[in-house]
Amino acid sequence: MLVDDNPAILRALHKVFELHCDWAVCGEAASGREGIEKAKILKPDLIVLDVSMPEMNGLEAARLLHGIMPQVPLILCSLHADEILGGEAKSAGAVAVVSKTQNMQTLVNKASELLRAS
């Protein structure tokens, strides 16, 4: 499942994930709050969350999602991934932080690794 308030990024992420023959994007959301509601219904195997979103940011959403479905790996994406964000993400229950400035393949590789492990 993909959660990002930028429609262009959602489309790009959707295309990248759909290219992986074993995966299907089960849902998309434009805010942390909407992501939580959809995740409860859709029960995804993995959730990719943007950090900066309206209503509820990715860190807040990750905390709540981790409490609701601790077995689901959470990946946070940000334009400004750094050590501080990494620490905050881990304490919120996310297993990885990927910078949006990196190649999209980095995100796909991390998602693949997490799905294999679960």
C-alpha atoms as a PDB file:
ATOM      1  CA  MET A   1       0.000   0.000   0.000  1.00  0.00           C
ATOM      2  CA  LEU A   2       1.235   3.510  -0.855  1.00  0.00           C
ATOM      3  CA  VAL A   3       0.616   6.676   1.183  1.00  0.00           C
ATOM      4  CA  ASP A   4       1.755  10.038  -0.213  1.00  0.00           C
ATOM      5  CA  ASP A   5       0.000  13.384  -0.651  1.00  0.00           C
ATOM      6  CA  ASN A   6       1.685  14.081  -4.007  1.00  0.00           C
ATOM      7  CA  PRO A   7      -0.357  12.511  -6.858  1.00  0.00           C
ATOM      8  CA  ALA A   8       2.656  12.439  -9.217  1.00  0.00           C
ATOM      9  CA  ILE A   9       4.753  10.529  -6.681  1.00  0.00           C
ATOM     10  CA  LEU A  10       1.875   8.126  -6.004  1.00  0.00           C
ATOM     11  CA  ARG A  11       1.581   7.401  -9.745  1.00  0.00           C
ATOM     12  CA  ALA A  12       5.335   6.878 -10.078  1.00  0.00           C
ATOM     13  CA  LEU A  13       5.490   4.581  -7.048  1.00  0.00           C
ATOM     14  CA  HIS A  14       2.465   2.655  -8.282  1.00  0.00           C
ATOM     15  CA  LYS A  15       4.093   2.079 -11.686  1.00  0.00           C
ATOM     16  CA  VAL A  16       7.393   0.991 -10.137  1.00  0.00           C
ATOM     17  CA  PHE A  17       5.739  -1.460  -7.754  1.00  0.00           C
ATOM     18  CA  GLU A  18       3.370  -2.846 -10.391  1.00  0.00           C
ATOM     19  CA  LEU A  19       6.372  -3.665 -12.625  1.00  0.00           C
ATOM     20  CA  HIS A  20       7.392  -6.268 -10.069  1.00  0.00           C
ATOM     21  CA  CYS A  21       5.572  -9.355 -11.348  1.00  0.00           C
ATOM     22  CA  ASP A  22       4.775 -10.767  -7.894  1.00  0.00           C
ATOM     23  CA  TRP A  23       3.328  -7.583  -6.410  1.00  0.00           C
ATOM     24  CA  ALA A  24       0.085  -5.658  -6.608  1.00  0.00           C
ATOM     25  CA  VAL A  25      -0.611  -2.287  -5.050  1.00  0.00           C
ATOM     26  CA  CYS A  26      -3.744  -2.911  -2.996  1.00  0.00           C
ATOM     27  CA  GLY A  27      -4.443   0.732  -2.214  1.00  0.00           C
ATOM     28  CA  GLU A  28      -3.313   4.328  -2.101  1.00  0.00           C
ATOM     29  CA  ALA A  29      -3.929   7.164   0.327  1.00  0.00           C
ATOM     30  CA  ALA A  30      -3.119  10.887   0.347  1.00  0.00           C
ATOM     31  CA  SER A  31      -2.715  11.371   4.119  1.00  0.00           C
ATOM     32  CA  GLY A  32      -1.634   9.444   7.169  1.00  0.00           C
ATOM     33  CA  ARG A  33      -5.182   9.354   8.519  1.00  0.00           C
ATOM     34  CA  GLU A  34      -6.578   8.014   5.234  1.00  0.00           C
ATOM     35  CA  GLY A  35      -3.714   5.507   5.079  1.00  0.00           C
ATOM     36  CA  ILE A  36      -4.605   4.101   8.491  1.00  0.00           C
ATOM     37  CA  GLU A  37      -8.277   3.730   7.584  1.00  0.00           C
ATOM     38  CA  LYS A  38      -7.470   2.000   4.283  1.00  0.00           C
ATOM     39  CA  ALA A  39      -4.835  -0.256   5.875  1.00  0.00           C
ATOM     40  CA  LYS A  40      -7.398  -1.523   8.397  1.00  0.00           C
ATOM     41  CA  ILE A  41      -9.648  -2.581   5.525  1.00  0.00           C
ATOM     42  CA  LEU A  42      -7.072  -3.728   2.946  1.00  0.00           C
ATOM     43  CA  LYS A  43      -4.611  -5.489   5.301  1.00  0.00           C
ATOM     44  CA  PRO A  44      -1.517  -4.866   3.105  1.00  0.00           C
ATOM     45  CA  ASP A  45       1.690  -6.893   3.306  1.00  0.00           C
ATOM     46  CA  LEU A  46       3.825  -3.713   3.252  1.00  0.00           C
ATOM     47  CA  ILE A  47       3.163   0.030   3.570  1.00  0.00           C
ATOM     48  CA  VAL A  48       5.250   2.833   2.056  1.00  0.00           C
ATOM     49  CA  LEU A  49       4.594   6.183   3.768  1.00  0.00           C
ATOM     50  CA  ASP A  50       5.678   9.701   2.907  1.00  0.00           C
ATOM     51  CA  VAL A  51       6.973  11.570   5.959  1.00  0.00           C
ATOM     52  CA  SER A  52       5.471  15.003   5.172  1.00  0.00           C
ATOM     53  CA  MET A  53       1.717  14.848   4.658  1.00  0.00           C
ATOM     54  CA  PRO A  54      -1.348  16.856   5.700  1.00  0.00           C
ATOM     55  CA  GLU A  55      -3.707  15.800   8.502  1.00  0.00           C
ATOM     56  CA  MET A  56      -1.245  13.275   9.913  1.00  0.00           C
ATOM     57  CA  ASN A  57       2.394  12.905   8.915  1.00  0.00           C
ATOM     58  CA  GLY A  58       4.110   9.616   8.153  1.00  0.00           C
ATOM     59  CA  LEU A  59       5.775   9.301  11.569  1.00  0.00           C
ATOM     60  CA  GLU A  60       2.472   9.711  13.408  1.00  0.00           C
ATOM     61  CA  ALA A  61       0.763   7.296  11.029  1.00  0.00           C
ATOM     62  CA  ALA A  62       3.597   4.776  11.410  1.00  0.00           C
ATOM     63  CA  ARG A  63       3.211   4.806  15.211  1.00  0.00           C
ATOM     64  CA  LEU A  64      -0.492   4.059  14.942  1.00  0.00           C
ATOM     65  CA  LEU A  65      -0.105   1.511  12.145  1.00  0.00           C
ATOM     66  CA  HIS A  66       2.623  -0.308  14.046  1.00  0.00           C
ATOM     67  CA  GLY A  67       0.301  -0.557  17.047  1.00  0.00           C
ATOM     68  CA  ILE A  68      -2.579  -1.856  14.925  1.00  0.00           C
ATOM     69  CA  MET A  69      -0.627  -4.217  12.664  1.00  0.00           C
ATOM     70  CA  PRO A  70       2.894  -4.737  14.056  1.00  0.00           C
ATOM     71  CA  GLN A  71       3.659  -7.543  11.594  1.00  0.00           C
ATOM     72  CA  VAL A  72       3.360  -5.233   8.551  1.00  0.00           C
ATOM     73  CA  PRO A  73       6.693  -3.676   7.508  1.00  0.00           C
ATOM     74  CA  LEU A  74       6.579   0.107   7.213  1.00  0.00           C
ATOM     75  CA  ILE A  75       8.949   2.055   4.953  1.00  0.00           C
ATOM     76  CA  LEU A  76       9.134   5.826   5.325  1.00  0.00           C
ATOM     77  CA  CYS A  77      10.108   7.979   2.340  1.00  0.00           C
ATOM     78  CA  SER A  78      11.389  11.522   2.612  1.00  0.00           C
ATOM     79  CA  LEU A  79      13.259  14.112   0.632  1.00  0.00           C
ATOM     80  CA  HIS A  80      15.365  14.699   3.737  1.00  0.00           C
ATOM     81  CA  ALA A  81      16.358  11.274   5.045  1.00  0.00           C
ATOM     82  CA  ASP A  82      19.047  11.548   7.714  1.00  0.00           C
ATOM     83  CA  GLU A  83      20.168   9.846  10.927  1.00  0.00           C
ATOM     84  CA  ILE A  84      17.725  11.817  13.090  1.00  0.00           C
ATOM     85  CA  LEU A  85      14.780  10.828  10.903  1.00  0.00           C
ATOM     86  CA  GLY A  86      16.064   7.256  10.888  1.00  0.00           C
ATOM     87  CA  GLY A  87      15.982   7.153  14.682  1.00  0.00           C
ATOM     88  CA  GLU A  88      12.518   8.704  14.839  1.00  0.00           C
ATOM     89  CA  ALA A  89      11.276   6.269  12.192  1.00  0.00           C
ATOM     90  CA  LYS A  90      12.573   3.237  14.083  1.00  0.00           C
ATOM     91  CA  SER A  91      10.959   4.417  17.325  1.00  0.00           C
ATOM     92  CA  ALA A  92       7.681   4.876  15.398  1.00  0.00           C
ATOM     93  CA  GLY A  93       7.826   1.265  14.178  1.00  0.00           C
ATOM     94  CA  ALA A  94       9.162   1.774  10.665  1.00  0.00           C
ATOM     95  CA  VAL A  95      11.801  -0.706   9.551  1.00  0.00           C
ATOM     96  CA  ALA A  96      13.423   1.506   6.922  1.00  0.00           C
ATOM     97  CA  VAL A  97      13.766   5.062   5.666  1.00  0.00           C
ATOM     98  CA  VAL A  98      14.447   5.661   1.983  1.00  0.00           C
ATOM     99  CA  SER A  99      15.269   9.042   0.495  1.00  0.00           C
ATOM    100  CA  LYS A 100      13.114  10.174  -2.416  1.00  0.00           C
ATOM    101  CA  THR A 101      16.314  11.476  -4.000  1.00  0.00           C
ATOM    102  CA  GLN A 102      17.649   7.929  -4.360  1.00  0.00           C
ATOM    103  CA  ASN A 103      16.953   5.719  -7.341  1.00  0.00           C
ATOM    104  CA  MET A 104      13.472   4.145  -7.130  1.00  0.00           C
ATOM    105  CA  GLN A 105      15.181   0.770  -7.352  1.00  0.00           C
ATOM    106  CA  THR A 106      16.512   1.368  -3.815  1.00  0.00           C
ATOM    107  CA  LEU A 107      12.934   1.453  -2.526  1.00  0.00           C
ATOM    108  CA  VAL A 108      11.963  -1.623  -4.538  1.00  0.00           C
ATOM    109  CA  ASN A 109      15.012  -3.527  -3.255  1.00  0.00           C
ATOM    110  CA  LYS A 110      14.177  -2.625   0.358  1.00  0.00           C
ATOM    111  CA  ALA A 111      10.540  -3.638  -0.123  1.00  0.00           C
ATOM    112  CA  SER A 112      11.593  -6.913  -1.720  1.00  0.00           C
ATOM    113  CA  GLU A 113      13.967  -7.656   1.143  1.00  0.00           C
ATOM    114  CA  LEU A 114      11.272  -6.968   3.743  1.00  0.00           C
ATOM    115  CA  LEU A 115       8.608  -9.013   1.976  1.00  0.00           C
ATOM    116  CA  ARG A 116      10.975 -11.985   1.674  1.00  0.00           C
ATOM    117  CA  ALA A 117      11.731 -11.783   5.396  1.00  0.00           C
ATOM    118  CA  SER A 118       8.088 -11.673   6.473  1.00  0.00           C
END
